N, C-alpha and C. Protein backbone atom coordinates (compact mmCIF):
# COMPACT_ATOMS: atom_id res chain seq x y z
N MET A 1 108.86 79.05 122.05
CA MET A 1 108.53 78.08 120.71
C MET A 1 107.45 77.03 121.09
N VAL A 2 107.27 76.59 122.40
CA VAL A 2 106.47 75.74 122.93
C VAL A 2 104.83 76.59 123.14
N THR A 3 105.07 77.55 123.85
CA THR A 3 104.01 78.20 123.85
C THR A 3 103.35 78.84 122.24
N SER A 4 104.27 78.91 121.58
CA SER A 4 103.45 79.45 119.99
C SER A 4 103.12 77.71 119.36
N ARG A 5 103.39 76.71 119.25
CA ARG A 5 102.55 75.65 119.04
C ARG A 5 101.84 75.47 119.65
N ARG A 6 101.52 75.54 120.77
CA ARG A 6 100.21 75.20 121.62
C ARG A 6 99.19 76.09 120.99
N THR A 7 99.95 77.75 120.87
CA THR A 7 98.90 78.72 120.63
C THR A 7 98.02 78.14 118.91
N ALA A 8 99.18 77.63 117.98
CA ALA A 8 98.28 77.23 116.91
C ALA A 8 97.55 76.08 116.94
N ALA A 9 97.93 75.21 117.64
CA ALA A 9 97.08 73.92 117.93
C ALA A 9 95.63 74.25 118.39
N THR A 10 95.55 75.25 119.11
CA THR A 10 94.64 75.54 119.96
C THR A 10 93.73 76.35 118.88
N ALA A 11 94.27 76.97 118.43
CA ALA A 11 93.50 78.04 117.09
C ALA A 11 93.15 77.06 115.99
N GLN A 12 94.15 75.99 115.50
CA GLN A 12 93.41 75.29 114.55
C GLN A 12 92.26 74.24 115.41
N ALA A 13 92.19 73.73 116.41
CA ALA A 13 91.34 72.96 116.96
C ALA A 13 89.85 73.85 116.93
N ALA A 14 89.85 75.35 117.68
CA ALA A 14 88.84 75.69 117.89
C ALA A 14 88.21 76.19 116.27
N SER A 15 88.82 76.29 115.13
CA SER A 15 88.66 76.49 113.91
C SER A 15 87.80 75.45 113.27
N PRO A 16 86.46 75.87 112.28
CA PRO A 16 85.76 74.63 111.43
C PRO A 16 87.00 74.10 111.18
N ARG A 17 86.75 72.61 110.56
CA ARG A 17 87.80 72.12 110.09
C ARG A 17 87.47 72.35 108.18
N ARG A 18 88.41 72.95 107.40
CA ARG A 18 88.53 73.62 106.64
C ARG A 18 89.19 72.56 105.20
N ARG A 19 89.06 72.61 104.07
CA ARG A 19 89.76 71.69 103.06
C ARG A 19 89.66 72.49 101.58
N GLY A 20 90.78 72.10 100.98
CA GLY A 20 91.01 72.63 99.76
C GLY A 20 90.77 73.85 99.09
N ALA A 21 90.32 74.48 98.53
CA ALA A 21 90.38 75.74 98.17
C ALA A 21 90.10 76.72 99.34
N VAL A 22 88.99 76.44 99.96
CA VAL A 22 89.09 77.05 101.40
C VAL A 22 89.90 77.14 102.31
N LEU A 23 90.64 76.15 102.08
CA LEU A 23 91.46 76.45 103.09
C LEU A 23 93.23 77.25 102.62
N GLU A 24 93.09 77.14 101.29
CA GLU A 24 94.13 77.70 100.73
C GLU A 24 94.04 79.12 100.32
N ARG A 25 92.70 79.72 100.19
CA ARG A 25 92.17 80.70 100.31
C ARG A 25 92.53 81.44 101.87
N ALA A 26 92.55 80.89 102.90
CA ALA A 26 92.72 81.42 103.98
C ALA A 26 94.17 81.54 104.18
N ILE A 27 95.02 80.63 103.85
CA ILE A 27 96.15 80.53 103.87
C ILE A 27 96.65 81.65 103.24
N LEU A 28 96.50 81.95 101.94
CA LEU A 28 96.81 83.03 101.41
C LEU A 28 96.74 84.41 101.79
N GLY A 29 95.31 84.55 102.23
CA GLY A 29 94.94 85.53 102.94
C GLY A 29 96.02 86.05 104.10
N ALA A 30 95.95 84.82 105.01
CA ALA A 30 96.85 84.92 106.18
C ALA A 30 98.13 85.20 105.64
N ALA A 31 99.05 84.92 104.66
CA ALA A 31 100.18 85.48 104.16
C ALA A 31 100.62 87.17 103.66
N LEU A 32 99.38 87.16 103.27
CA LEU A 32 99.22 88.95 102.87
C LEU A 32 99.08 89.52 103.96
N GLU A 33 98.37 89.40 105.31
CA GLU A 33 98.36 90.04 106.06
C GLU A 33 99.44 89.97 106.63
N GLN A 34 100.40 88.84 106.90
CA GLN A 34 101.48 89.47 107.66
C GLN A 34 102.40 89.93 106.77
N LEU A 35 102.69 89.93 105.21
CA LEU A 35 103.41 90.58 105.00
C LEU A 35 103.02 92.45 104.78
N SER A 36 101.82 92.24 105.20
CA SER A 36 101.38 94.10 105.30
C SER A 36 101.59 94.43 106.51
N THR A 37 101.84 93.66 107.16
CA THR A 37 102.24 94.33 108.78
C THR A 37 103.13 93.83 109.41
N VAL A 38 103.58 92.78 109.46
CA VAL A 38 105.29 92.64 109.93
C VAL A 38 106.00 92.44 108.78
N GLY A 39 106.02 92.43 107.27
CA GLY A 39 106.62 92.45 105.98
C GLY A 39 107.69 90.99 106.31
N TRP A 40 108.54 91.43 104.93
CA TRP A 40 109.07 89.77 104.59
C TRP A 40 109.79 89.42 105.44
N LYS A 41 110.55 89.83 106.34
CA LYS A 41 111.77 89.74 106.75
C LYS A 41 110.69 89.05 108.19
N GLY A 42 109.80 89.86 108.65
CA GLY A 42 108.79 88.63 109.66
C GLY A 42 108.05 87.45 109.59
N LEU A 43 107.68 87.61 107.94
CA LEU A 43 107.04 86.47 107.88
C LEU A 43 107.28 85.42 108.55
N THR A 44 106.55 84.51 108.71
CA THR A 44 106.86 82.93 109.02
C THR A 44 106.02 81.90 108.60
N MET A 45 106.40 80.71 107.94
CA MET A 45 105.07 79.93 107.66
C MET A 45 104.46 79.63 108.67
N GLU A 46 104.92 79.64 110.46
CA GLU A 46 104.49 79.17 111.22
C GLU A 46 103.08 80.45 111.64
N GLY A 47 103.66 81.77 111.67
CA GLY A 47 103.09 82.77 111.80
C GLY A 47 101.80 82.77 110.88
N VAL A 48 101.83 82.03 109.41
CA VAL A 48 100.71 82.29 108.50
C VAL A 48 99.97 81.19 108.83
N ALA A 49 100.20 79.96 109.26
CA ALA A 49 99.61 78.98 109.67
C ALA A 49 98.39 79.68 110.91
N LEU A 50 99.06 80.29 111.59
CA LEU A 50 98.51 80.55 112.75
C LEU A 50 97.28 81.67 112.69
N GLY A 51 97.60 82.49 111.55
CA GLY A 51 96.79 83.59 110.92
C GLY A 51 95.76 82.72 110.34
N ALA A 52 95.70 81.37 109.59
CA ALA A 52 94.72 80.71 108.96
C ALA A 52 94.00 79.81 109.89
N GLN A 53 94.63 80.01 111.13
CA GLN A 53 93.82 78.75 112.33
C GLN A 53 94.20 77.38 111.65
N THR A 54 95.58 77.13 111.45
CA THR A 54 95.44 75.62 110.75
C THR A 54 96.91 75.71 111.19
N GLY A 55 97.39 73.90 110.77
CA GLY A 55 98.79 73.63 111.21
C GLY A 55 99.77 74.29 110.00
N LYS A 56 101.00 73.81 110.84
CA LYS A 56 102.16 74.44 109.56
C LYS A 56 102.23 73.10 108.70
N ALA A 57 102.03 72.10 109.10
CA ALA A 57 101.82 70.99 107.92
C ALA A 57 100.88 70.99 106.83
N ALA A 58 99.72 71.89 107.35
CA ALA A 58 99.04 71.93 105.95
C ALA A 58 99.28 73.22 104.98
N VAL A 59 100.27 74.08 105.77
CA VAL A 59 101.10 74.69 104.43
C VAL A 59 102.27 74.57 103.90
N TYR A 60 102.75 73.68 104.19
CA TYR A 60 104.12 73.27 104.18
C TYR A 60 103.94 72.33 102.74
N ARG A 61 102.46 71.57 103.08
CA ARG A 61 102.27 70.49 101.81
C ARG A 61 101.54 71.30 100.59
N ARG A 62 101.35 72.35 100.23
CA ARG A 62 101.09 73.08 99.40
C ARG A 62 102.02 74.17 98.98
N TRP A 63 102.95 74.77 100.03
CA TRP A 63 103.75 75.28 99.58
C TRP A 63 105.14 74.95 100.29
N SER A 64 106.28 74.93 99.53
CA SER A 64 107.77 74.49 99.84
C SER A 64 108.47 75.54 100.80
N SER A 65 108.47 76.92 100.71
CA SER A 65 108.98 77.77 100.83
C SER A 65 108.23 78.83 101.09
N LYS A 66 108.69 79.92 101.86
CA LYS A 66 107.73 80.86 101.91
C LYS A 66 107.97 81.76 100.81
N GLU A 67 109.26 81.45 99.83
CA GLU A 67 108.99 82.56 98.47
C GLU A 67 107.70 81.93 97.47
N ASP A 68 107.64 80.58 97.27
CA ASP A 68 106.39 79.88 96.90
C ASP A 68 105.26 80.57 97.28
N LEU A 69 104.91 80.40 98.69
CA LEU A 69 103.60 80.82 99.54
C LEU A 69 103.29 82.57 99.17
N VAL A 70 104.27 83.13 98.77
CA VAL A 70 104.18 84.58 98.67
C VAL A 70 103.76 84.93 97.30
N ALA A 71 104.82 84.17 96.38
CA ALA A 71 104.30 84.28 95.12
C ALA A 71 103.07 84.23 94.66
N ASP A 72 102.29 83.26 95.27
CA ASP A 72 101.12 83.06 94.83
C ASP A 72 99.99 83.37 95.47
N ALA A 73 100.54 84.50 97.03
CA ALA A 73 99.48 84.76 97.69
C ALA A 73 99.79 86.54 97.19
N LEU A 74 100.67 87.09 96.25
CA LEU A 74 100.64 88.02 95.48
C LEU A 74 99.56 87.99 93.91
N GLN A 75 99.74 86.99 93.75
CA GLN A 75 99.10 86.85 92.31
C GLN A 75 97.73 86.66 92.77
N ALA A 76 97.42 85.93 93.78
CA ALA A 76 95.76 85.77 93.97
C ALA A 76 95.38 86.73 94.64
N GLY A 77 95.91 87.67 95.35
CA GLY A 77 95.38 88.72 96.30
C GLY A 77 95.13 90.24 95.54
N LEU A 78 96.19 90.50 94.51
CA LEU A 78 96.48 91.99 94.45
C LEU A 78 95.03 92.34 93.58
N PRO A 79 94.78 93.68 93.46
CA PRO A 79 93.39 94.34 93.04
C PRO A 79 93.70 94.37 91.70
N ARG A 80 92.55 94.02 90.82
CA ARG A 80 92.82 94.18 89.45
C ARG A 80 92.32 95.67 89.47
N LEU A 81 93.04 96.47 88.43
CA LEU A 81 92.20 97.38 87.67
C LEU A 81 92.03 97.13 86.27
N GLU A 82 90.62 96.81 86.27
CA GLU A 82 89.90 96.27 85.21
C GLU A 82 89.63 97.53 84.08
N SER A 83 89.29 98.41 84.05
CA SER A 83 88.70 99.73 83.27
C SER A 83 89.46 100.95 83.70
N ALA A 84 89.73 101.59 82.10
CA ALA A 84 90.46 102.68 82.08
C ALA A 84 88.68 104.14 82.10
N PRO A 85 88.90 105.06 83.05
CA PRO A 85 87.64 105.95 83.26
C PRO A 85 87.64 106.53 81.54
N ASP A 86 86.48 107.03 81.23
CA ASP A 86 86.40 107.64 79.83
C ASP A 86 85.57 109.13 80.25
N LEU A 87 86.31 110.12 80.55
CA LEU A 87 85.51 111.17 81.15
C LEU A 87 85.66 112.18 80.14
N GLY A 88 86.00 111.91 79.20
CA GLY A 88 85.94 113.05 77.98
C GLY A 88 87.16 114.15 77.84
N SER A 89 88.18 114.24 78.83
CA SER A 89 89.28 114.70 79.62
C SER A 89 90.72 114.10 79.46
N VAL A 90 91.47 113.90 78.86
CA VAL A 90 92.75 113.26 79.66
C VAL A 90 93.35 113.65 80.82
N ARG A 91 92.80 115.01 80.99
CA ARG A 91 93.70 115.27 82.40
C ARG A 91 92.71 114.58 83.57
N GLU A 92 91.77 114.37 83.50
CA GLU A 92 90.56 113.79 84.20
C GLU A 92 90.92 112.19 84.29
N GLU A 93 91.08 111.84 83.20
CA GLU A 93 90.91 110.44 83.19
C GLU A 93 92.48 110.03 83.84
N LEU A 94 93.61 110.89 83.24
CA LEU A 94 94.98 110.20 84.10
C LEU A 94 94.53 110.63 85.65
N LEU A 95 93.72 111.85 86.37
CA LEU A 95 94.00 111.85 87.50
C LEU A 95 93.08 110.36 88.06
N GLN A 96 92.21 110.07 87.59
CA GLN A 96 91.17 109.21 88.17
C GLN A 96 92.11 107.90 87.75
N LEU A 97 92.94 107.53 87.16
CA LEU A 97 93.90 106.56 86.56
C LEU A 97 95.00 106.38 87.58
N CYS A 98 95.42 107.46 88.08
CA CYS A 98 96.28 107.54 89.23
C CYS A 98 95.87 107.23 90.51
N ARG A 99 94.32 107.65 91.02
CA ARG A 99 93.86 107.38 91.99
C ARG A 99 93.68 106.06 92.40
N GLN A 100 93.07 105.20 91.02
CA GLN A 100 93.20 103.91 91.23
C GLN A 100 94.63 103.16 91.15
N ALA A 101 95.32 103.40 90.75
CA ALA A 101 96.78 102.85 91.01
C ALA A 101 96.89 102.97 92.75
N ARG A 102 96.73 104.37 93.04
CA ARG A 102 97.18 104.48 94.56
C ARG A 102 96.09 103.69 95.35
N ALA A 103 94.91 103.84 94.99
CA ALA A 103 94.29 102.52 96.10
C ALA A 103 95.02 101.20 95.98
N ALA A 104 95.10 100.96 94.56
CA ALA A 104 95.84 99.29 94.82
C ALA A 104 97.08 99.14 95.48
N MET A 105 97.91 100.32 95.41
CA MET A 105 99.11 100.01 96.06
C MET A 105 99.10 100.46 98.05
N TYR A 106 97.81 100.89 98.07
CA TYR A 106 97.51 100.78 99.54
C TYR A 106 96.78 100.47 100.28
N SER A 107 96.21 99.36 99.06
CA SER A 107 95.56 98.13 99.61
C SER A 107 96.09 97.19 100.87
N ARG A 108 95.89 96.25 101.14
CA ARG A 108 96.65 95.18 102.03
C ARG A 108 97.55 94.38 101.06
N PRO A 109 97.25 94.32 99.78
CA PRO A 109 97.77 93.73 99.12
C PRO A 109 99.10 94.30 98.64
N GLY A 110 98.38 95.70 98.34
CA GLY A 110 99.31 96.60 97.72
C GLY A 110 100.89 96.70 98.89
N LEU A 111 100.22 96.65 99.92
CA LEU A 111 101.37 96.94 101.31
C LEU A 111 102.13 95.38 101.39
N ALA A 112 101.67 94.92 101.03
CA ALA A 112 102.44 93.33 100.99
C ALA A 112 103.50 93.41 99.51
N VAL A 113 103.23 94.19 98.44
CA VAL A 113 103.91 94.67 97.19
C VAL A 113 104.97 95.05 97.98
N ARG A 114 104.78 96.22 98.53
CA ARG A 114 105.80 97.39 98.88
C ARG A 114 106.84 97.05 99.96
N SER A 115 106.33 95.43 100.64
CA SER A 115 106.93 94.82 101.72
C SER A 115 108.29 94.15 100.77
N VAL A 116 107.94 93.56 99.93
CA VAL A 116 108.60 92.75 99.34
C VAL A 116 109.63 93.37 98.35
N ILE A 117 109.11 94.37 97.64
CA ILE A 117 109.60 95.53 97.09
C ILE A 117 110.99 96.04 97.96
N HIS A 118 110.74 96.62 99.01
CA HIS A 118 111.57 97.10 100.17
C HIS A 118 112.95 96.66 100.78
N GLU A 119 111.85 95.10 100.93
CA GLU A 119 113.17 94.28 102.05
C GLU A 119 113.50 93.17 101.50
N CYS A 120 113.12 92.39 99.95
CA CYS A 120 113.50 91.76 99.59
C CYS A 120 115.09 92.06 98.76
N ASP A 121 115.94 91.15 98.54
CA ASP A 121 117.13 91.41 97.64
C ASP A 121 116.63 91.28 96.04
N PRO A 122 117.72 91.72 95.18
CA PRO A 122 117.26 91.79 93.70
C PRO A 122 117.05 90.22 93.38
N VAL A 123 117.56 89.37 93.62
CA VAL A 123 117.20 87.96 93.43
C VAL A 123 115.77 87.35 93.53
N GLN A 124 115.39 88.02 94.86
CA GLN A 124 114.21 87.27 95.47
C GLN A 124 113.33 88.30 94.99
N VAL A 125 113.67 89.79 94.50
CA VAL A 125 112.57 90.53 93.79
C VAL A 125 112.26 89.93 92.39
N GLU A 126 113.17 89.36 91.98
CA GLU A 126 112.89 88.73 90.12
C GLU A 126 111.66 87.48 90.84
N ARG A 127 111.99 86.49 91.73
CA ARG A 127 111.15 85.43 92.15
C ARG A 127 110.01 85.98 91.98
N PHE A 128 109.40 87.73 92.48
CA PHE A 128 108.05 87.92 92.37
C PHE A 128 107.48 88.77 91.21
N HIS A 129 108.55 88.96 90.24
CA HIS A 129 108.32 89.78 89.06
C HIS A 129 106.89 89.51 88.39
N ALA A 130 106.52 88.35 87.73
CA ALA A 130 105.61 88.11 87.37
C ALA A 130 104.17 88.62 88.05
N ALA A 131 104.35 88.45 89.48
CA ALA A 131 103.38 88.47 90.32
C ALA A 131 102.75 90.36 90.42
N ILE A 132 104.38 90.99 90.25
CA ILE A 132 104.07 92.62 90.38
C ILE A 132 103.76 93.11 89.28
N VAL A 133 104.52 92.87 88.25
CA VAL A 133 104.39 93.25 86.88
C VAL A 133 103.16 92.69 86.15
N GLY A 134 102.47 91.68 86.30
CA GLY A 134 101.45 91.12 85.65
C GLY A 134 100.33 91.61 86.75
N GLY A 135 100.44 92.12 88.01
CA GLY A 135 99.21 92.29 88.75
C GLY A 135 99.00 93.82 88.90
N ILE A 136 99.92 94.53 89.21
CA ILE A 136 100.05 95.98 89.02
C ILE A 136 100.44 96.89 88.16
N VAL A 137 101.44 96.89 87.43
CA VAL A 137 102.24 98.09 86.41
C VAL A 137 101.68 97.22 85.18
N GLY A 138 101.47 95.96 84.57
CA GLY A 138 101.35 95.53 83.34
C GLY A 138 99.71 96.25 83.38
N PRO A 139 98.86 95.88 83.88
CA PRO A 139 97.45 96.33 84.13
C PRO A 139 97.23 97.89 83.82
N THR A 140 98.52 98.46 84.73
CA THR A 140 98.28 100.12 84.80
C THR A 140 98.73 100.66 83.66
N ILE A 141 99.72 99.68 82.90
CA ILE A 141 100.07 100.61 81.65
C ILE A 141 99.06 100.38 80.82
N GLU A 142 98.21 99.39 80.67
CA GLU A 142 97.45 98.96 79.42
C GLU A 142 96.46 99.69 79.58
N LEU A 143 95.97 100.16 80.62
CA LEU A 143 94.80 101.25 80.65
C LEU A 143 95.51 102.80 80.39
N LEU A 144 96.72 102.98 81.06
CA LEU A 144 97.29 104.14 80.29
C LEU A 144 97.09 104.12 78.97
N ARG A 145 97.41 103.19 78.28
CA ARG A 145 97.10 102.87 76.65
C ARG A 145 95.83 103.18 76.18
N GLU A 146 95.10 102.93 76.78
CA GLU A 146 93.77 103.61 76.73
C GLU A 146 93.56 104.78 76.38
N VAL A 147 93.68 105.16 77.93
CA VAL A 147 93.64 106.52 77.71
C VAL A 147 94.21 107.53 76.82
N LEU A 148 95.11 107.36 76.74
CA LEU A 148 96.42 108.16 75.73
C LEU A 148 95.61 107.97 73.99
N GLU A 149 95.34 106.91 73.50
CA GLU A 149 94.75 106.40 72.42
C GLU A 149 93.35 107.21 72.44
N ARG A 150 92.45 107.21 73.55
CA ARG A 150 91.10 108.24 73.49
C ARG A 150 91.83 109.68 73.59
N GLY A 151 92.85 109.86 74.25
CA GLY A 151 92.79 111.19 73.86
C GLY A 151 93.49 111.62 72.95
N ILE A 152 94.29 110.77 71.76
CA ILE A 152 95.03 111.32 70.79
C ILE A 152 93.81 111.33 69.26
N LYS A 153 92.51 110.70 69.42
CA LYS A 153 91.23 110.59 68.65
C LYS A 153 90.63 112.27 68.79
N ARG A 154 90.79 112.58 70.54
CA ARG A 154 90.12 113.82 70.59
C ARG A 154 91.25 115.24 70.29
N GLY A 155 92.07 114.53 69.95
CA GLY A 155 93.46 115.85 69.45
C GLY A 155 93.88 116.51 71.15
N GLU A 156 93.76 115.74 71.80
CA GLU A 156 94.74 116.11 73.20
C GLU A 156 96.06 115.62 73.30
N VAL A 157 96.25 114.83 72.80
CA VAL A 157 97.42 114.10 72.99
C VAL A 157 98.28 113.98 71.49
N ARG A 158 99.34 114.20 71.45
CA ARG A 158 100.06 114.28 70.15
C ARG A 158 100.12 112.30 69.89
N SER A 159 100.19 112.29 68.03
CA SER A 159 99.94 111.06 68.07
C SER A 159 101.02 109.95 68.30
N ASP A 160 102.10 110.61 68.55
CA ASP A 160 103.42 109.71 68.76
C ASP A 160 103.23 109.14 70.41
N ALA A 161 102.66 109.44 70.96
CA ALA A 161 102.98 109.58 72.34
C ALA A 161 102.90 108.36 73.16
N VAL A 162 102.13 107.18 72.40
CA VAL A 162 102.20 106.20 73.06
C VAL A 162 103.22 105.13 72.62
N ASN A 163 104.19 105.41 73.23
CA ASN A 163 105.55 104.49 73.16
C ASN A 163 105.60 103.92 74.63
N ASP A 164 106.92 102.96 74.63
CA ASP A 164 107.15 102.36 76.06
C ASP A 164 107.64 103.59 77.37
N TYR A 165 108.35 104.37 76.61
CA TYR A 165 109.00 105.18 77.79
C TYR A 165 107.82 106.24 78.19
N VAL A 166 106.77 107.16 77.28
CA VAL A 166 105.64 107.78 77.90
C VAL A 166 104.54 106.74 78.59
N LEU A 167 104.93 105.38 78.31
CA LEU A 167 103.54 104.57 78.98
C LEU A 167 104.38 104.49 80.24
N ASP A 168 105.62 104.36 80.37
CA ASP A 168 106.62 104.02 81.58
C ASP A 168 106.40 105.00 82.90
N ALA A 169 106.29 106.36 82.12
CA ALA A 169 106.66 107.46 83.04
C ALA A 169 106.00 107.73 84.32
N MET A 170 104.47 107.55 84.11
CA MET A 170 103.41 107.60 85.42
C MET A 170 103.98 106.80 86.63
N PRO A 171 103.54 105.14 85.78
CA PRO A 171 103.70 104.10 87.01
C PRO A 171 105.25 104.08 87.40
N ALA A 172 106.39 104.13 86.70
CA ALA A 172 107.80 104.73 87.28
C ALA A 172 107.81 105.69 88.35
N MET A 173 107.22 106.95 88.32
CA MET A 173 107.46 107.79 89.14
C MET A 173 106.78 107.63 90.12
N MET A 174 105.37 107.13 90.31
CA MET A 174 104.56 106.73 91.40
C MET A 174 105.29 105.58 92.33
N MET A 175 105.94 104.59 91.39
CA MET A 175 106.76 103.39 92.28
C MET A 175 107.80 104.10 92.77
N TYR A 176 109.18 104.86 92.22
CA TYR A 176 109.86 105.49 92.57
C TYR A 176 109.83 106.18 94.02
N ARG A 177 108.90 107.32 93.82
CA ARG A 177 108.58 108.28 94.74
C ARG A 177 108.07 107.31 96.37
N SER A 178 107.07 106.28 95.68
CA SER A 178 106.65 105.65 97.24
C SER A 178 107.87 105.10 97.75
N LYS A 179 108.62 104.42 96.79
CA LYS A 179 110.30 103.90 97.66
C LYS A 179 111.36 104.45 98.07
N MET A 180 111.43 105.76 97.05
CA MET A 180 112.88 106.26 97.44
C MET A 180 112.14 107.95 98.44
N CYS A 181 111.03 108.35 98.39
CA CYS A 181 110.82 109.26 98.94
C CYS A 181 109.58 109.03 99.93
N ALA A 182 109.37 107.94 100.25
CA ALA A 182 108.22 107.75 100.85
C ALA A 182 106.97 108.34 100.97
N SER A 183 106.77 108.96 99.43
CA SER A 183 105.43 109.75 99.15
C SER A 183 104.21 108.89 98.84
N GLU A 184 103.12 109.40 99.60
CA GLU A 184 101.80 108.83 100.15
C GLU A 184 101.03 109.39 98.67
N TRP A 185 101.65 109.65 98.05
CA TRP A 185 100.06 110.27 96.43
C TRP A 185 99.61 111.12 97.11
N ASN A 186 99.12 111.83 97.93
CA ASN A 186 97.97 112.42 98.01
C ASN A 186 97.22 113.33 96.89
N ASP A 187 95.97 113.80 97.03
CA ASP A 187 95.47 114.25 95.86
C ASP A 187 96.57 115.52 95.30
N ARG A 188 96.98 116.51 95.81
CA ARG A 188 97.65 117.52 95.48
C ARG A 188 98.89 117.02 94.65
N GLU A 189 99.75 115.91 95.27
CA GLU A 189 100.48 115.51 94.21
C GLU A 189 100.26 114.80 93.05
N ILE A 190 99.15 114.00 93.05
CA ILE A 190 98.87 113.51 91.57
C ILE A 190 98.68 114.68 90.74
N GLU A 191 97.86 115.66 91.24
CA GLU A 191 97.23 116.72 90.27
C GLU A 191 98.89 117.24 89.69
N GLU A 192 100.00 117.72 90.89
CA GLU A 192 101.03 118.24 90.40
C GLU A 192 101.82 117.63 89.13
N MET A 193 101.55 115.71 89.28
CA MET A 193 102.33 115.30 88.62
C MET A 193 101.85 114.97 87.08
N ILE A 194 100.37 115.31 86.92
CA ILE A 194 99.46 115.11 85.59
C ILE A 194 99.90 116.33 85.13
N ASP A 195 99.74 117.54 85.82
CA ASP A 195 99.89 118.97 85.05
C ASP A 195 101.57 119.45 84.67
N ARG A 196 102.42 118.69 85.80
CA ARG A 196 103.72 119.30 85.47
C ARG A 196 104.69 118.34 84.58
N LEU A 197 104.41 117.15 84.79
CA LEU A 197 104.85 115.86 83.73
C LEU A 197 104.31 115.60 82.66
N MET A 198 102.94 114.88 82.82
CA MET A 198 102.36 114.20 81.86
C MET A 198 101.76 115.51 80.73
N LEU A 199 100.92 115.92 81.12
CA LEU A 199 100.37 116.86 80.82
C LEU A 199 101.38 117.70 79.28
N PRO A 200 102.52 118.14 79.98
CA PRO A 200 103.68 118.57 78.75
C PRO A 200 104.26 117.51 77.81
N LEU A 201 104.46 116.59 78.65
CA LEU A 201 105.17 115.37 77.62
C LEU A 201 104.07 115.03 76.27
N LEU A 202 102.45 115.05 76.81
CA LEU A 202 101.60 114.52 75.86
C LEU A 202 100.78 115.68 74.93
N ARG A 203 101.14 116.70 75.33
CA ARG A 203 100.39 118.33 74.65
C ARG A 203 100.65 117.84 72.78
N PRO A 204 100.23 118.30 72.15
CA PRO A 204 100.26 117.90 70.49
C PRO A 204 101.04 119.40 70.24
N GLY A 205 101.90 119.17 69.27
CA GLY A 205 102.80 120.31 68.93
C GLY A 205 104.01 120.24 69.71
N ARG A 206 104.32 119.26 70.36
CA ARG A 206 105.84 119.50 71.12
C ARG A 206 106.81 118.59 70.13
N ASN A 207 107.92 119.29 69.92
CA ASN A 207 109.19 118.99 69.61
C ASN A 207 109.72 117.83 69.71
């Protein structure tokens, strides 16, 4: 413990003095780094301070608990899915959207989210619900809605396909198999999900 405190103090002294938003970004980045490497259970406020090259007191002045810190780190760090691909084919657009979602899942912030989902109890996960849904699930569903609405206009997708059950199917499958089956969603797995699940579900003329 003494050695750890000395190491943190040495790192703090060796780094340029930072304040305000610059220091906060460093702390949030260090929290994501800890989550993606040592996981939720291994994350400590002292470890975050060391990673951010600051003192533990600077972390606690801004966040009173690691739950509060992690919630803000997820909100700030999750990659944004900002545009739905327009490729003229619902199959190609779904494939591209899945690849974007996979990239987000396996980014450093995405790995941090997986650590939270896998290691936290249900009450703790609920604490991070807004960050997870708002950062990954919600945007993915909205982009999926755009893809399906374009597909309806082109006649590729049945007119009643844009509903909550259909929109949940692809993100739910990706999250379920990632968590329960340790699937990394390679290109072949993504293509099979689109061809065997999504396209039959969306095809016009389905009863």
